[in-house]
Amino acid sequence: MAKGAAQRKLEVRSEKAEVKRQRSDVKRPTSPLELDRLIHERLRLGIVSALAATDRLTFTDLKTLLKTTDGNLSVHARKLEDAGYIACDKGFDGRTPRTEYRLTASGRRAFEKYLAHMEAIIDASKR
């Protein structure tokens, strides 16, 4: 029975590895015109664009600039943070909490790639 359980464990690991491989295949662009869906969403594109133009911005600055709510900004910033596109630094300014965001090197590369894709789409539509 121990042999059967060990075999099943290997099968489960193999299945998990296959699912992980398939997921990673989905994330790779298959066409030079395929857009990064993570960045393409309006608010996330605004966050990345704003951070690409400056070194860092506070949560309040981004909220004001993008004219959004705390909750909406928080959710979208977390998705970008989880993807490694932005970094979040939390601290205090006196007794006031201060959250600052900055674009990571990975985020800058993804944004530049996104812009190149958009330019390719625009160029193709002009032909």
N, C-alpha and C. Protein backbone atom coordinates (compact mmCIF):
# COMPACT_ATOMS: atom_id res chain seq x y z
N MET A 1 0.82 -1.20 0.00
CA MET A 1 0.00 0.00 0.00
C MET A 1 0.87 1.26 0.00
N ALA A 2 2.02 1.20 0.68
CA ALA A 2 2.92 2.36 0.69
C ALA A 2 3.42 2.65 -0.71
N LYS A 3 3.63 1.58 -1.51
CA LYS A 3 4.09 1.76 -2.88
C LYS A 3 3.02 2.48 -3.71
N GLY A 4 1.77 2.13 -3.52
CA GLY A 4 0.67 2.78 -4.24
C GLY A 4 0.55 4.25 -3.87
N ALA A 5 0.71 4.56 -2.60
CA ALA A 5 0.63 5.94 -2.14
C ALA A 5 1.79 6.77 -2.71
N ALA A 6 2.96 6.17 -2.75
CA ALA A 6 4.12 6.86 -3.31
C ALA A 6 3.92 7.12 -4.80
N GLN A 7 3.36 6.13 -5.50
CA GLN A 7 3.09 6.29 -6.93
C GLN A 7 2.09 7.43 -7.16
N ARG A 8 1.05 7.46 -6.33
CA ARG A 8 0.02 8.50 -6.47
C ARG A 8 0.63 9.89 -6.21
N LYS A 9 1.53 9.97 -5.22
CA LYS A 9 2.20 11.23 -4.92
C LYS A 9 2.99 11.72 -6.13
N LEU A 10 3.70 10.80 -6.79
CA LEU A 10 4.46 11.16 -7.98
C LEU A 10 3.53 11.63 -9.10
N GLU A 11 2.38 10.99 -9.24
CA GLU A 11 1.43 11.39 -10.28
C GLU A 11 0.89 12.80 -10.00
N VAL A 12 0.57 13.07 -8.73
CA VAL A 12 0.06 14.39 -8.36
C VAL A 12 1.11 15.45 -8.64
N ARG A 13 2.37 15.17 -8.27
CA ARG A 13 3.45 16.13 -8.53
C ARG A 13 3.60 16.37 -10.03
N SER A 14 3.50 15.30 -10.80
CA SER A 14 3.62 15.41 -12.25
C SER A 14 2.48 16.25 -12.83
N GLU A 15 1.27 16.03 -12.32
CA GLU A 15 0.11 16.80 -12.78
C GLU A 15 0.29 18.28 -12.42
N LYS A 16 0.75 18.54 -11.21
CA LYS A 16 0.97 19.94 -10.79
C LYS A 16 2.03 20.60 -11.65
N ALA A 17 3.10 19.88 -11.97
CA ALA A 17 4.16 20.43 -12.81
C ALA A 17 3.62 20.74 -14.21
N GLU A 18 2.76 19.87 -14.74
CA GLU A 18 2.18 20.09 -16.05
C GLU A 18 1.27 21.33 -16.05
N VAL A 19 0.45 21.49 -15.01
CA VAL A 19 -0.42 22.66 -14.91
C VAL A 19 0.43 23.92 -14.83
N LYS A 20 1.49 23.89 -14.03
CA LYS A 20 2.37 25.04 -13.89
C LYS A 20 3.02 25.39 -15.23
N ARG A 21 3.46 24.37 -15.98
CA ARG A 21 4.07 24.60 -17.29
C ARG A 21 3.06 25.22 -18.25
N GLN A 22 1.83 24.71 -18.23
CA GLN A 22 0.79 25.25 -19.11
C GLN A 22 0.49 26.70 -18.77
N ARG A 23 0.45 27.02 -17.48
CA ARG A 23 0.20 28.41 -17.07
C ARG A 23 1.31 29.32 -17.55
N SER A 24 2.55 28.87 -17.43
CA SER A 24 3.66 29.70 -17.86
C SER A 24 3.65 29.86 -19.37
N ASP A 25 3.17 28.86 -20.10
CA ASP A 25 3.05 28.97 -21.56
C ASP A 25 2.03 30.04 -21.93
N VAL A 26 0.96 30.14 -21.16
CA VAL A 26 -0.10 31.11 -21.44
C VAL A 26 0.43 32.52 -21.29
N LYS A 27 1.33 32.75 -20.36
CA LYS A 27 1.83 34.10 -20.08
C LYS A 27 2.79 34.59 -21.16
N ARG A 28 3.39 33.67 -21.94
CA ARG A 28 4.34 34.09 -22.95
C ARG A 28 3.61 34.62 -24.18
N PRO A 29 4.05 35.75 -24.69
CA PRO A 29 3.42 36.28 -25.90
C PRO A 29 3.66 35.34 -27.08
N THR A 30 2.62 35.11 -27.86
CA THR A 30 2.75 34.27 -29.04
C THR A 30 2.81 35.12 -30.30
N SER A 31 2.56 36.39 -30.18
CA SER A 31 2.56 37.30 -31.31
C SER A 31 3.21 38.61 -30.87
N PRO A 32 3.91 39.26 -31.79
CA PRO A 32 4.52 40.54 -31.41
C PRO A 32 3.47 41.60 -31.08
N LEU A 33 2.21 41.35 -31.45
CA LEU A 33 1.17 42.33 -31.18
C LEU A 33 0.35 42.00 -29.93
N GLU A 34 0.68 40.90 -29.26
CA GLU A 34 -0.07 40.51 -28.06
C GLU A 34 0.28 41.44 -26.91
N LEU A 35 -0.73 42.00 -26.28
CA LEU A 35 -0.52 42.96 -25.20
C LEU A 35 -0.43 42.28 -23.85
N ASP A 36 0.31 42.89 -22.94
CA ASP A 36 0.38 42.43 -21.56
C ASP A 36 -0.94 42.81 -20.89
N ARG A 37 -1.79 41.83 -20.65
CA ARG A 37 -3.13 42.08 -20.10
C ARG A 37 -3.06 42.69 -18.70
N LEU A 38 -2.00 42.40 -17.99
CA LEU A 38 -1.86 42.95 -16.64
C LEU A 38 -1.71 44.47 -16.69
N ILE A 39 -0.92 44.95 -17.62
CA ILE A 39 -0.69 46.40 -17.75
C ILE A 39 -1.83 47.06 -18.51
N HIS A 40 -2.44 46.35 -19.44
CA HIS A 40 -3.40 46.95 -20.37
C HIS A 40 -4.65 47.51 -19.67
N GLU A 41 -5.02 47.00 -18.52
CA GLU A 41 -6.19 47.51 -17.81
C GLU A 41 -5.96 48.98 -17.48
N ARG A 42 -6.98 49.80 -17.66
CA ARG A 42 -6.85 51.26 -17.59
C ARG A 42 -6.15 51.79 -16.34
N LEU A 43 -6.58 51.40 -15.18
CA LEU A 43 -5.99 51.95 -13.95
C LEU A 43 -4.56 51.46 -13.75
N ARG A 44 -4.31 50.19 -14.05
CA ARG A 44 -2.94 49.67 -13.91
C ARG A 44 -2.00 50.34 -14.91
N LEU A 45 -2.49 50.62 -16.11
CA LEU A 45 -1.69 51.34 -17.10
C LEU A 45 -1.38 52.75 -16.59
N GLY A 46 -2.34 53.36 -15.94
CA GLY A 46 -2.12 54.69 -15.35
C GLY A 46 -1.07 54.65 -14.26
N ILE A 47 -1.12 53.64 -13.41
CA ILE A 47 -0.15 53.50 -12.32
C ILE A 47 1.25 53.34 -12.89
N VAL A 48 1.41 52.41 -13.83
CA VAL A 48 2.73 52.14 -14.41
C VAL A 48 3.24 53.35 -15.18
N SER A 49 2.36 54.01 -15.93
CA SER A 49 2.76 55.20 -16.70
C SER A 49 3.23 56.31 -15.77
N ALA A 50 2.49 56.55 -14.71
CA ALA A 50 2.86 57.61 -13.76
C ALA A 50 4.20 57.29 -13.09
N LEU A 51 4.40 56.04 -12.73
CA LEU A 51 5.65 55.67 -12.07
C LEU A 51 6.83 55.65 -13.04
N ALA A 52 6.55 55.44 -14.33
CA ALA A 52 7.62 55.47 -15.33
C ALA A 52 8.12 56.90 -15.54
N ALA A 53 7.25 57.86 -15.27
CA ALA A 53 7.60 59.26 -15.48
C ALA A 53 8.31 59.89 -14.29
N THR A 54 8.31 59.22 -13.15
CA THR A 54 8.94 59.77 -11.95
C THR A 54 9.57 58.64 -11.14
N ASP A 55 10.40 59.00 -10.20
CA ASP A 55 11.11 58.01 -9.39
C ASP A 55 10.17 57.22 -8.49
N ARG A 56 9.29 57.92 -7.79
CA ARG A 56 8.35 57.28 -6.88
C ARG A 56 7.18 58.21 -6.61
N LEU A 57 6.04 57.62 -6.26
CA LEU A 57 4.85 58.39 -5.91
C LEU A 57 4.20 57.80 -4.69
N THR A 58 3.59 58.65 -3.88
CA THR A 58 2.87 58.16 -2.72
C THR A 58 1.50 57.64 -3.15
N PHE A 59 0.89 56.87 -2.27
CA PHE A 59 -0.46 56.35 -2.50
C PHE A 59 -1.41 57.52 -2.76
N THR A 60 -1.31 58.56 -1.95
CA THR A 60 -2.19 59.72 -2.08
C THR A 60 -1.97 60.42 -3.42
N ASP A 61 -0.72 60.56 -3.83
CA ASP A 61 -0.42 61.19 -5.12
C ASP A 61 -1.06 60.40 -6.27
N LEU A 62 -0.89 59.09 -6.23
CA LEU A 62 -1.47 58.25 -7.29
C LEU A 62 -3.00 58.33 -7.28
N LYS A 63 -3.57 58.28 -6.10
CA LYS A 63 -5.03 58.35 -5.96
C LYS A 63 -5.56 59.65 -6.56
N THR A 64 -4.91 60.75 -6.26
CA THR A 64 -5.33 62.05 -6.79
C THR A 64 -5.11 62.13 -8.30
N LEU A 65 -3.96 61.71 -8.74
CA LEU A 65 -3.60 61.76 -10.15
C LEU A 65 -4.56 60.93 -11.02
N LEU A 66 -4.90 59.73 -10.52
CA LEU A 66 -5.73 58.81 -11.30
C LEU A 66 -7.22 58.97 -11.01
N LYS A 67 -7.55 59.83 -10.07
CA LYS A 67 -8.95 60.09 -9.70
C LYS A 67 -9.71 58.77 -9.42
N THR A 68 -9.20 58.05 -8.45
CA THR A 68 -9.79 56.76 -8.09
C THR A 68 -9.97 56.66 -6.58
N THR A 69 -10.57 55.58 -6.15
CA THR A 69 -10.81 55.37 -4.72
C THR A 69 -9.64 54.63 -4.08
N ASP A 70 -9.58 54.68 -2.76
CA ASP A 70 -8.55 53.95 -2.02
C ASP A 70 -8.57 52.46 -2.37
N GLY A 71 -9.76 51.88 -2.30
CA GLY A 71 -9.90 50.44 -2.52
C GLY A 71 -9.50 50.03 -3.93
N ASN A 72 -9.93 50.79 -4.91
CA ASN A 72 -9.63 50.48 -6.30
C ASN A 72 -8.12 50.56 -6.56
N LEU A 73 -7.50 51.63 -6.09
CA LEU A 73 -6.07 51.80 -6.27
C LEU A 73 -5.31 50.69 -5.54
N SER A 74 -5.73 50.37 -4.35
CA SER A 74 -5.07 49.35 -3.56
C SER A 74 -5.08 47.99 -4.25
N VAL A 75 -6.23 47.61 -4.79
CA VAL A 75 -6.37 46.30 -5.46
C VAL A 75 -5.47 46.24 -6.70
N HIS A 76 -5.51 47.28 -7.52
CA HIS A 76 -4.73 47.27 -8.75
C HIS A 76 -3.23 47.38 -8.48
N ALA A 77 -2.86 48.17 -7.49
CA ALA A 77 -1.44 48.27 -7.12
C ALA A 77 -0.93 46.92 -6.61
N ARG A 78 -1.77 46.21 -5.86
CA ARG A 78 -1.36 44.90 -5.33
C ARG A 78 -1.11 43.91 -6.47
N LYS A 79 -1.95 43.95 -7.50
CA LYS A 79 -1.75 43.05 -8.65
C LYS A 79 -0.42 43.34 -9.34
N LEU A 80 -0.10 44.60 -9.50
CA LEU A 80 1.17 44.97 -10.11
C LEU A 80 2.34 44.60 -9.20
N GLU A 81 2.14 44.75 -7.91
CA GLU A 81 3.18 44.38 -6.94
C GLU A 81 3.41 42.87 -6.95
N ASP A 82 2.33 42.10 -6.98
CA ASP A 82 2.44 40.64 -7.01
C ASP A 82 3.17 40.16 -8.27
N ALA A 83 3.01 40.90 -9.37
CA ALA A 83 3.67 40.55 -10.62
C ALA A 83 5.13 41.00 -10.64
N GLY A 84 5.52 41.79 -9.64
CA GLY A 84 6.89 42.29 -9.58
C GLY A 84 7.12 43.52 -10.42
N TYR A 85 6.05 44.17 -10.89
CA TYR A 85 6.17 45.36 -11.73
C TYR A 85 6.40 46.63 -10.92
N ILE A 86 5.86 46.67 -9.71
CA ILE A 86 6.08 47.82 -8.84
C ILE A 86 6.49 47.32 -7.46
N ALA A 87 7.12 48.21 -6.70
CA ALA A 87 7.49 47.90 -5.32
C ALA A 87 6.79 48.90 -4.42
N CYS A 88 6.41 48.43 -3.26
CA CYS A 88 5.69 49.25 -2.28
C CYS A 88 6.57 49.40 -1.04
N ASP A 89 6.81 50.63 -0.66
CA ASP A 89 7.59 50.92 0.54
C ASP A 89 6.68 51.62 1.53
N LYS A 90 6.54 51.03 2.73
CA LYS A 90 5.69 51.63 3.75
C LYS A 90 6.54 52.17 4.88
N GLY A 91 6.13 53.31 5.36
CA GLY A 91 6.86 53.93 6.46
C GLY A 91 5.99 54.99 7.11
N PHE A 92 6.63 55.86 7.84
CA PHE A 92 5.90 56.93 8.52
C PHE A 92 6.56 58.26 8.22
N ASP A 93 5.72 59.27 8.10
CA ASP A 93 6.16 60.65 7.98
C ASP A 93 5.69 61.31 9.27
N GLY A 94 6.56 61.30 10.28
CA GLY A 94 6.14 61.68 11.63
C GLY A 94 5.29 60.54 12.17
N ARG A 95 4.03 60.84 12.46
CA ARG A 95 3.11 59.80 12.94
C ARG A 95 2.14 59.34 11.86
N THR A 96 2.27 59.93 10.68
CA THR A 96 1.36 59.62 9.59
C THR A 96 1.93 58.49 8.72
N PRO A 97 1.14 57.44 8.50
CA PRO A 97 1.62 56.36 7.62
C PRO A 97 1.83 56.89 6.20
N ARG A 98 2.86 56.40 5.56
CA ARG A 98 3.18 56.84 4.20
C ARG A 98 3.53 55.62 3.36
N THR A 99 2.78 55.45 2.26
CA THR A 99 3.02 54.35 1.33
C THR A 99 3.52 54.94 0.03
N GLU A 100 4.68 54.47 -0.42
CA GLU A 100 5.25 54.94 -1.67
C GLU A 100 5.42 53.77 -2.63
N TYR A 101 5.20 54.06 -3.90
CA TYR A 101 5.36 53.05 -4.95
C TYR A 101 6.45 53.50 -5.90
N ARG A 102 7.16 52.52 -6.44
CA ARG A 102 8.15 52.80 -7.47
C ARG A 102 8.12 51.66 -8.48
N LEU A 103 8.51 51.97 -9.69
CA LEU A 103 8.54 50.99 -10.76
C LEU A 103 9.81 50.17 -10.63
N THR A 104 9.69 48.85 -10.72
CA THR A 104 10.87 47.98 -10.65
C THR A 104 11.50 47.87 -12.05
N ALA A 105 12.68 47.30 -12.12
CA ALA A 105 13.33 47.08 -13.42
C ALA A 105 12.46 46.17 -14.29
N SER A 106 11.88 45.16 -13.68
CA SER A 106 10.99 44.26 -14.40
C SER A 106 9.76 45.01 -14.91
N GLY A 107 9.23 45.89 -14.09
CA GLY A 107 8.08 46.68 -14.48
C GLY A 107 8.40 47.64 -15.62
N ARG A 108 9.59 48.22 -15.58
CA ARG A 108 10.01 49.13 -16.65
C ARG A 108 10.15 48.36 -17.96
N ARG A 109 10.74 47.16 -17.91
CA ARG A 109 10.87 46.33 -19.12
C ARG A 109 9.50 45.95 -19.67
N ALA A 110 8.60 45.56 -18.78
CA ALA A 110 7.24 45.18 -19.21
C ALA A 110 6.52 46.37 -19.83
N PHE A 111 6.69 47.55 -19.25
CA PHE A 111 6.05 48.76 -19.77
C PHE A 111 6.63 49.12 -21.14
N GLU A 112 7.94 49.05 -21.29
CA GLU A 112 8.57 49.34 -22.57
C GLU A 112 8.12 48.35 -23.64
N LYS A 113 7.99 47.09 -23.25
CA LYS A 113 7.51 46.06 -24.18
C LYS A 113 6.06 46.35 -24.57
N TYR A 114 5.26 46.75 -23.59
CA TYR A 114 3.86 47.10 -23.85
C TYR A 114 3.78 48.27 -24.84
N LEU A 115 4.59 49.29 -24.61
CA LEU A 115 4.60 50.45 -25.52
C LEU A 115 5.03 50.04 -26.93
N ALA A 116 6.02 49.17 -27.03
CA ALA A 116 6.46 48.69 -28.35
C ALA A 116 5.33 47.93 -29.04
N HIS A 117 4.58 47.14 -28.29
CA HIS A 117 3.43 46.42 -28.86
C HIS A 117 2.38 47.40 -29.36
N MET A 118 2.10 48.42 -28.57
CA MET A 118 1.11 49.41 -28.98
C MET A 118 1.57 50.15 -30.24
N GLU A 119 2.85 50.51 -30.29
CA GLU A 119 3.39 51.18 -31.47
C GLU A 119 3.29 50.28 -32.70
N ALA A 120 3.53 48.98 -32.54
CA ALA A 120 3.42 48.04 -33.65
C ALA A 120 1.98 47.97 -34.15
N ILE A 121 1.03 47.98 -33.24
CA ILE A 121 -0.38 47.95 -33.62
C ILE A 121 -0.74 49.22 -34.38
N ILE A 122 -0.28 50.36 -33.88
CA ILE A 122 -0.57 51.64 -34.56
C ILE A 122 0.06 51.66 -35.94
N ASP A 123 1.32 51.22 -36.04
CA ASP A 123 2.00 51.18 -37.35
C ASP A 123 1.26 50.26 -38.31
N ALA A 124 0.84 49.10 -37.84
CA ALA A 124 0.13 48.14 -38.70
C ALA A 124 -1.21 48.69 -39.17
N SER A 125 -1.86 49.49 -38.34
CA SER A 125 -3.15 50.03 -38.73
C SER A 125 -3.03 51.17 -39.74
N LYS A 126 -1.85 51.75 -39.86
CA LYS A 126 -1.63 52.84 -40.83
C LYS A 126 -1.38 52.31 -42.23
N ARG A 127 -1.09 51.04 -42.37
CA ARG A 127 -0.78 50.47 -43.69
C ARG A 127 -2.00 50.20 -44.49
